[in-house]
Amino acid sequence: MVLKITVITIILLAIAAAFAAWFNTHLILKDLEEIKDKLGIKSIYKASFLDRDLDNDQ
């Protein structure tokens, strides 16, 4: 019983940490975009295989 509670707690903490890391990365990227705009740096777009997502209705 204690082992199950410990494992569930660890999994929940890992999920919370993953969400926090994603959110922090999102904020950093947003700040970098603002800095690039202020400095007049153009965004360079690199094509990715993820652009050809089969789920998109194009």
Protein backbone atom coordinates (compact mmCIF):
# COMPACT_ATOMS: atom_id res chain seq x y z
CA MET A 1 0.00 0.00 0.00
CA VAL A 2 2.77 2.41 0.94
CA LEU A 3 4.65 1.50 -2.25
CA LYS A 4 1.63 2.34 -4.42
CA ILE A 5 1.18 5.71 -2.72
CA THR A 6 4.89 6.46 -3.14
CA VAL A 7 4.86 5.54 -6.83
CA ILE A 8 1.71 7.60 -7.48
CA THR A 9 3.22 10.56 -5.65
CA ILE A 10 6.44 10.32 -7.68
CA ILE A 11 4.46 10.12 -10.93
CA LEU A 12 2.35 13.15 -10.01
CA LEU A 13 5.45 15.13 -9.09
CA ALA A 14 7.08 14.17 -12.39
CA ILE A 15 4.01 15.34 -14.32
CA ALA A 16 3.95 18.62 -12.40
CA ALA A 17 7.68 19.14 -13.03
CA ALA A 18 7.24 18.44 -16.76
CA PHE A 19 4.42 20.98 -16.98
CA ALA A 20 6.47 23.56 -15.08
CA ALA A 21 9.43 23.01 -17.42
CA TRP A 22 7.21 23.38 -20.50
CA PHE A 23 5.66 26.56 -19.11
CA ASN A 24 9.08 28.03 -18.25
CA THR A 25 10.36 27.24 -21.74
CA HIS A 26 7.29 28.92 -23.23
CA LEU A 27 7.95 32.07 -21.19
CA ILE A 28 11.62 32.14 -22.18
CA LEU A 29 10.79 31.79 -25.88
CA LYS A 30 8.23 34.58 -25.60
CA ASP A 31 10.78 36.85 -23.93
CA LEU A 32 13.35 36.04 -26.62
CA GLU A 33 10.87 36.98 -29.35
CA GLU A 34 10.29 40.35 -27.65
CA ILE A 35 14.05 40.94 -27.39
CA LYS A 36 14.52 40.03 -31.06
CA ASP A 37 11.76 42.46 -32.04
CA LYS A 38 13.35 45.28 -30.04
CA LEU A 39 16.76 44.61 -31.56
CA GLY A 40 15.32 44.34 -35.05
CA ILE A 41 16.47 40.77 -35.60
CA LYS A 42 14.44 38.90 -38.17
CA SER A 43 13.12 35.47 -37.29
CA ILE A 44 14.57 32.72 -39.43
CA TYR A 45 12.12 29.92 -40.04
CA LYS A 46 13.56 26.47 -40.59
CA ALA A 47 11.33 23.82 -42.11
CA SER A 48 10.60 20.82 -39.97
CA PHE A 49 9.14 17.41 -40.61
CA LEU A 50 6.50 18.35 -38.04
CA ASP A 51 5.14 20.93 -40.48
CA ARG A 52 3.78 18.11 -42.59
CA ASP A 53 1.42 16.88 -39.88
CA LEU A 54 -1.07 14.47 -41.37
CA ASP A 55 -3.77 15.49 -38.90
CA ASN A 56 -4.03 19.02 -40.36
CA ASP A 57 -6.85 19.57 -42.84
CA GLN A 58 -5.01 21.29 -45.64
